Amino acid sequence: MNPNGDVRVEGVTLPSAGVDLRGDLYRPASQPAGESSSPAVLVVGSWLTVKEQMAGRYAAGLAQRGLTALAFDFRGYGESKGDPRNFESPERKIEDIVSAVAYLKSRPDVDASRIGALGICAGAGYIAVAGSREPEIRSVAMVAPWLHDATLVESIYGGPDGIRERMALGETARTKYESTGEVDYIPAASDTDERAAMYGPFDYYLRADRGAVPQWGNRFAVMSWPQWLTFDPIAVAPRCTAPTYMLHSPDAAVPDGARRFHEALTAPKELRWTTGGQFDFYDQESTVAPALDSVRTHFEKTL
């Protein structure tokens, strides 16, 4: 397989809970049209993101390496329909992942028995829960996974006081939405606005030559806080059955979450440690290319 091979991209529409989602299906250009025996990989990026960010980067990279890959916008994000917009609901995203798997299974050019899933950053948690519910996800890979539980959430968001503050803001925003239909927003990422969901030197999200793509609105629905803060993908690890490959760095986000998830897995598993910061795994070629090579190897062995 040629890591520099050409890629064909097909815009697709897939249904989820009565809502049309938009996606991009990446295929190796050398793959014959209509081939029915090829495996496919669903690729999910970090929270708050759209398909043109890290999900599309990895889907294109997998196609360059010979695998069909699908990146899509979740409900309320990017080109997909659905309200409220920019609502980070893990449960809603997990439902969309299951719908995307069903879509891949329905395609005559995809082998329904050979579907895998790759999650980058928070996408790893969504893939984990979806995989614990959907046995048709036959293989899982995680790159720089953000996996948290209640203890880790407290350490990330300022202890019990930080959690209480965000939970209260979220509940107030939810009540307002339910009574008026209005959504309160804060920046998804900012190095000047302390209210932002990601506050600090989040270079990837703030630079137009990196993740600040036109399709990304840089918004976070405040009512998302309760669902995000109580989401616990580590808890599902014992129920995951698919072979799971994890690639992380001690210098990236929440390495303890990766360790806890890996320890709790009973499925065939591998946790590999490498170097790099969290955002290096999103778009820096020196980090992304080796990550893609190792993920490709995992899927070749397990799909």
Protein backbone atom coordinates (compact mmCIF):
# COMPACT_ATOMS: atom_id res chain seq x y z
CA MET A 1 0.00 0.00 0.00
CA ASN A 2 1.30 3.41 -0.96
CA PRO A 3 1.21 5.94 1.92
CA ASN A 4 1.33 8.71 -0.66
CA GLY A 5 -1.38 7.27 -2.86
CA ASP A 6 -4.15 9.35 -4.38
CA VAL A 7 -7.53 9.58 -2.69
CA ARG A 8 -11.07 9.85 -4.05
CA VAL A 9 -13.58 11.72 -1.86
CA GLU A 10 -17.34 11.22 -2.09
CA GLY A 11 -19.74 13.52 -0.28
CA VAL A 12 -22.45 11.43 1.38
CA THR A 13 -25.65 11.92 3.38
CA LEU A 14 -26.58 9.54 6.17
CA PRO A 15 -29.64 9.53 8.43
CA SER A 16 -29.55 9.57 12.22
CA ALA A 17 -32.68 9.89 14.37
CA GLY A 18 -34.54 11.45 11.46
CA VAL A 19 -31.80 14.02 10.80
CA ASP A 20 -29.55 14.16 7.73
CA LEU A 21 -25.83 14.07 8.51
CA ARG A 22 -23.20 15.07 5.98
CA GLY A 23 -20.00 13.11 5.57
CA ASP A 24 -17.01 12.55 3.35
CA LEU A 25 -16.12 9.03 2.28
CA TYR A 26 -12.42 8.69 1.44
CA ARG A 27 -11.26 5.90 -0.84
CA PRO A 28 -7.92 4.91 -2.32
CA ALA A 29 -7.95 6.07 -5.93
CA SER A 30 -6.62 2.69 -6.99
CA GLN A 31 -9.57 0.83 -5.47
CA PRO A 32 -11.91 -0.45 -8.21
CA ALA A 33 -15.32 1.21 -8.26
CA GLY A 34 -18.06 -0.98 -6.84
CA GLU A 35 -15.69 -3.32 -5.01
CA SER A 36 -17.80 -5.09 -2.39
CA SER A 37 -15.18 -6.73 -0.22
CA SER A 38 -13.35 -3.72 1.17
CA PRO A 39 -13.35 -2.95 4.90
CA ALA A 40 -14.20 0.57 6.10
CA VAL A 41 -13.21 2.68 9.09
CA LEU A 42 -15.34 5.33 10.75
CA VAL A 43 -13.20 8.26 11.97
CA VAL A 44 -14.29 10.55 14.82
CA GLY A 45 -12.42 13.67 15.90
CA SER A 46 -12.28 15.58 19.15
CA TRP A 47 -15.22 17.21 20.93
CA LEU A 48 -16.65 20.39 19.39
CA THR A 49 -15.05 19.71 15.99
CA VAL A 50 -16.15 19.26 12.39
CA LYS A 51 -15.15 16.74 9.76
CA GLU A 52 -12.69 19.12 8.09
CA GLN A 53 -10.45 19.07 11.16
CA MET A 54 -8.62 16.03 12.57
CA ALA A 55 -11.28 13.48 11.50
CA GLY A 56 -10.86 14.38 7.84
CA ARG A 57 -7.08 14.45 8.17
CA TYR A 58 -6.99 10.90 9.50
CA ALA A 59 -9.67 9.61 7.11
CA ALA A 60 -7.66 10.91 4.16
CA GLY A 61 -4.50 9.41 5.62
CA LEU A 62 -6.12 6.00 5.98
CA ALA A 63 -7.32 6.15 2.38
CA GLN A 64 -3.79 7.01 1.27
CA ARG A 65 -2.79 3.82 3.07
CA GLY A 66 -5.37 1.68 1.30
CA LEU A 67 -8.41 1.81 3.59
CA THR A 68 -11.86 3.27 2.97
CA ALA A 69 -12.68 5.79 5.72
CA LEU A 70 -15.69 7.93 6.62
CA ALA A 71 -15.57 11.28 8.45
CA PHE A 72 -18.88 13.02 9.15
CA ASP A 73 -20.43 15.95 10.99
CA PHE A 74 -22.49 15.10 14.04
CA ARG A 75 -25.98 16.47 14.55
CA GLY A 76 -25.79 20.19 15.13
CA TYR A 77 -22.28 20.53 13.74
CA GLY A 78 -20.82 21.66 10.43
CA GLU A 79 -22.88 20.73 7.38
CA SER A 80 -25.19 18.35 9.25
CA LYS A 81 -28.72 19.25 10.22
CA GLY A 82 -30.01 19.19 13.77
CA ASP A 83 -30.68 21.52 16.68
CA PRO A 84 -29.50 22.79 19.04
CA ARG A 85 -26.28 23.69 17.26
CA ASN A 86 -22.88 23.05 18.84
CA PHE A 87 -24.47 21.02 21.63
CA GLU A 88 -21.83 18.63 22.94
CA SER A 89 -24.04 15.72 23.92
CA PRO A 90 -22.05 12.48 24.24
CA GLU A 91 -25.22 10.42 24.05
CA ARG A 92 -26.37 12.14 20.87
CA LYS A 93 -22.95 11.69 19.31
CA ILE A 94 -22.86 8.01 20.26
CA GLU A 95 -26.25 7.53 18.58
CA ASP A 96 -24.86 9.20 15.46
CA ILE A 97 -21.85 6.87 15.47
CA VAL A 98 -24.15 3.84 15.57
CA SER A 99 -26.13 5.37 12.69
CA ALA A 100 -22.92 5.93 10.72
CA VAL A 101 -21.98 2.28 11.19
CA ALA A 102 -25.41 1.27 9.90
CA TYR A 103 -24.87 3.52 6.89
CA LEU A 104 -21.52 1.89 6.11
CA LYS A 105 -23.10 -1.55 6.44
CA SER A 106 -25.79 -0.55 3.93
CA ARG A 107 -23.30 0.33 1.20
CA PRO A 108 -22.75 -2.42 -1.39
CA ASP A 109 -19.10 -1.40 -1.74
CA VAL A 110 -18.34 -1.97 1.97
CA ASP A 111 -17.91 -5.36 3.61
CA ALA A 112 -20.43 -5.16 6.47
CA SER A 113 -18.45 -7.68 8.50
CA ARG A 114 -15.26 -5.59 8.42
CA ILE A 115 -16.06 -2.18 9.91
CA GLY A 116 -13.69 -0.47 12.33
CA ALA A 117 -13.65 2.82 14.19
CA LEU A 118 -10.91 5.32 14.98
CA GLY A 119 -11.33 7.99 17.64
CA ILE A 120 -8.98 10.94 18.12
CA CYS A 121 -8.96 12.76 21.47
CA ALA A 122 -12.52 12.86 22.88
CA GLY A 123 -13.71 10.88 19.88
CA ALA A 124 -12.04 7.89 21.52
CA GLY A 125 -14.55 8.00 24.36
CA TYR A 126 -17.50 8.22 22.00
CA ILE A 127 -16.16 5.31 19.96
CA ALA A 128 -15.61 3.28 23.12
CA VAL A 129 -19.20 3.61 24.27
CA ALA A 130 -20.59 3.04 20.78
CA GLY A 131 -18.41 -0.04 20.43
CA SER A 132 -19.65 -1.42 23.75
CA ARG A 133 -23.20 -1.26 22.34
CA GLU A 134 -22.62 -2.05 18.67
CA PRO A 135 -20.89 -5.38 18.00
CA GLU A 136 -20.67 -4.51 14.30
CA ILE A 137 -17.70 -2.29 15.22
CA ARG A 138 -15.19 -5.10 14.84
CA SER A 139 -11.98 -3.19 15.60
CA VAL A 140 -11.15 0.01 17.48
CA ALA A 141 -8.18 2.39 17.41
CA MET A 142 -7.60 5.45 19.57
CA VAL A 143 -5.07 8.22 18.96
CA ALA A 144 -4.22 10.64 21.78
CA PRO A 145 -7.41 9.51 23.54
CA TRP A 146 -9.15 11.83 25.99
CA LEU A 147 -10.82 9.39 28.38
CA HIS A 148 -12.06 10.67 31.71
CA ASP A 149 -14.04 9.62 34.76
CA ALA A 150 -15.38 11.62 37.69
CA THR A 151 -12.00 11.79 39.43
CA LEU A 152 -10.14 12.97 36.35
CA VAL A 153 -12.86 15.50 35.51
CA GLU A 154 -12.38 17.15 38.89
CA SER A 155 -8.62 17.39 38.38
CA ILE A 156 -9.12 18.95 34.93
CA TYR A 157 -11.87 21.45 35.71
CA GLY A 158 -10.81 23.03 38.98
CA GLY A 159 -11.94 20.53 41.58
CA PRO A 160 -15.43 20.26 43.09
CA ASP A 161 -15.97 24.03 42.94
CA GLY A 162 -15.13 24.17 39.23
CA ILE A 163 -17.47 21.28 38.52
CA ARG A 164 -20.33 22.81 40.52
CA GLU A 165 -19.94 26.14 38.76
CA ARG A 166 -20.05 24.62 35.28
CA MET A 167 -22.90 22.28 36.16
CA ALA A 168 -24.95 25.23 37.44
CA LEU A 169 -24.23 27.28 34.32
CA GLY A 170 -25.24 24.34 32.18
CA GLU A 171 -28.48 23.70 34.00
CA THR A 172 -29.44 27.37 33.81
CA ALA A 173 -28.71 27.42 30.08
CA ARG A 174 -30.72 24.23 29.59
CA THR A 175 -33.72 25.70 31.41
CA LYS A 176 -33.51 28.82 29.24
CA TYR A 177 -33.38 26.75 26.06
CA GLU A 178 -36.36 24.64 27.08
CA SER A 179 -38.46 27.70 27.91
CA THR A 180 -37.39 30.09 25.13
CA GLY A 181 -35.58 28.07 22.46
CA GLU A 182 -32.53 30.34 22.87
CA VAL A 183 -29.09 28.76 23.20
CA ASP A 184 -26.38 30.39 25.32
CA TYR A 185 -22.94 30.10 23.72
CA ILE A 186 -19.36 30.68 24.80
CA PRO A 187 -16.23 30.23 22.68
CA ALA A 188 -15.14 26.64 22.21
CA ALA A 189 -11.51 27.81 22.44
CA SER A 190 -9.94 31.12 23.42
CA ASP A 191 -6.73 32.47 24.87
CA THR A 192 -8.47 35.66 26.07
CA ASP A 193 -11.97 34.66 27.26
CA GLU A 194 -11.82 32.71 30.51
CA ARG A 195 -15.37 31.44 29.99
CA ALA A 196 -14.29 29.37 26.97
CA ALA A 197 -14.75 25.61 27.06
CA MET A 198 -11.03 25.38 26.27
CA TYR A 199 -9.21 28.38 27.74
CA GLY A 200 -5.51 28.81 27.16
CA PRO A 201 -2.90 28.59 24.41
CA PHE A 202 -4.95 26.25 22.22
CA ASP A 203 -2.93 27.00 19.13
CA TYR A 204 -4.51 24.34 16.93
CA TYR A 205 -8.00 25.82 17.28
CA LEU A 206 -6.96 29.47 17.02
CA ARG A 207 -4.83 29.45 13.86
CA ALA A 208 -6.41 29.50 10.41
CA ASP A 209 -3.54 27.43 9.02
CA ARG A 210 -4.33 24.68 11.53
CA GLY A 211 -7.73 23.90 13.03
CA ALA A 212 -9.54 27.24 12.72
CA VAL A 213 -11.12 26.18 9.44
CA PRO A 214 -14.06 28.12 7.94
CA GLN A 215 -16.48 25.25 8.66
CA TRP A 216 -15.78 25.43 12.41
CA GLY A 217 -17.84 27.95 14.34
CA ASN A 218 -15.78 28.03 17.58
CA ARG A 219 -18.92 27.82 19.70
CA PHE A 220 -19.89 25.74 22.72
CA ALA A 221 -23.48 25.50 23.92
CA VAL A 222 -23.27 26.18 27.67
CA MET A 223 -25.99 23.63 28.37
CA SER A 224 -23.50 20.97 27.23
CA TRP A 225 -21.57 21.11 30.51
CA PRO A 226 -23.64 18.63 32.54
CA GLN A 227 -23.54 15.93 29.87
CA TRP A 228 -19.84 16.38 29.18
CA LEU A 229 -18.77 16.51 32.83
CA THR A 230 -20.71 13.38 33.78
CA PHE A 231 -19.64 11.37 30.73
CA ASP A 232 -17.52 8.37 31.80
CA PRO A 233 -16.21 6.28 28.91
CA ILE A 234 -13.69 4.51 31.16
CA ALA A 235 -16.59 2.71 32.84
CA VAL A 236 -17.49 0.84 29.63
CA ALA A 237 -14.02 -0.65 29.10
CA PRO A 238 -14.93 -4.07 30.58
CA ARG A 239 -17.84 -4.29 28.12
CA CYS A 240 -15.77 -3.53 25.01
CA THR A 241 -15.20 -6.63 22.91
CA ALA A 242 -13.39 -5.36 19.81
CA PRO A 243 -9.58 -5.56 19.56
CA THR A 244 -8.39 -2.14 20.70
CA TYR A 245 -5.21 -0.27 19.82
CA MET A 246 -4.31 2.87 21.77
CA LEU A 247 -1.55 5.35 20.89
CA HIS A 248 -0.77 8.09 23.37
CA SER A 249 1.99 10.27 24.78
CA PRO A 250 2.79 11.12 28.41
CA ASP A 251 2.95 14.74 27.24
CA ALA A 252 -0.52 14.69 25.67
CA ALA A 253 -3.91 15.10 27.36
CA VAL A 254 -5.07 12.90 30.25
CA PRO A 255 -2.57 10.03 29.98
CA ASP A 256 -3.95 8.56 33.22
CA GLY A 257 -7.30 8.11 31.50
CA ALA A 258 -5.67 6.01 28.79
CA ARG A 259 -3.95 3.90 31.44
CA ARG A 260 -7.17 3.31 33.37
CA PHE A 261 -9.14 2.42 30.26
CA HIS A 262 -6.46 0.04 29.03
CA GLU A 263 -6.19 -1.69 32.39
CA ALA A 264 -9.96 -2.24 32.49
CA LEU A 265 -10.16 -3.65 28.95
CA THR A 266 -10.70 -7.39 28.71
CA ALA A 267 -10.69 -7.46 24.88
CA PRO A 268 -7.41 -7.95 22.97
CA LYS A 269 -5.54 -4.72 23.54
CA GLU A 270 -2.37 -2.74 23.01
CA LEU A 271 -1.35 0.58 24.56
CA ARG A 272 1.65 2.13 22.86
CA TRP A 273 3.43 5.20 24.20
CA THR A 274 5.14 7.67 21.91
CA THR A 275 6.13 11.35 22.02
CA GLY A 276 4.28 14.55 21.20
CA GLY A 277 1.81 17.03 22.60
CA GLN A 278 -1.94 16.62 22.17
CA PHE A 279 -2.26 18.98 19.21
CA ASP A 280 0.73 17.38 17.47
CA PHE A 281 -1.50 14.35 16.94
CA TYR A 282 -4.08 16.51 15.15
CA ASP A 283 -2.09 17.92 12.25
CA GLN A 284 1.69 17.73 12.61
CA GLU A 285 2.95 15.41 9.91
CA SER A 286 5.91 14.14 11.94
CA THR A 287 3.42 12.86 14.55
CA VAL A 288 0.36 12.12 12.41
CA ALA A 289 2.12 10.00 9.77
CA PRO A 290 3.57 7.43 12.23
CA ALA A 291 0.23 7.38 14.06
CA LEU A 292 -1.56 6.58 10.81
CA ASP A 293 0.95 3.89 9.94
CA SER A 294 0.41 2.14 13.26
CA VAL A 295 -3.39 2.48 13.06
CA ARG A 296 -3.33 1.07 9.52
CA THR A 297 -1.31 -1.90 10.76
CA HIS A 298 -3.83 -2.52 13.54
CA PHE A 299 -6.81 -2.48 11.18
CA GLU A 300 -5.04 -4.70 8.64
CA LYS A 301 -4.57 -7.30 11.38
CA THR A 302 -8.07 -7.09 12.84
CA LEU A 303 -10.48 -6.35 9.97
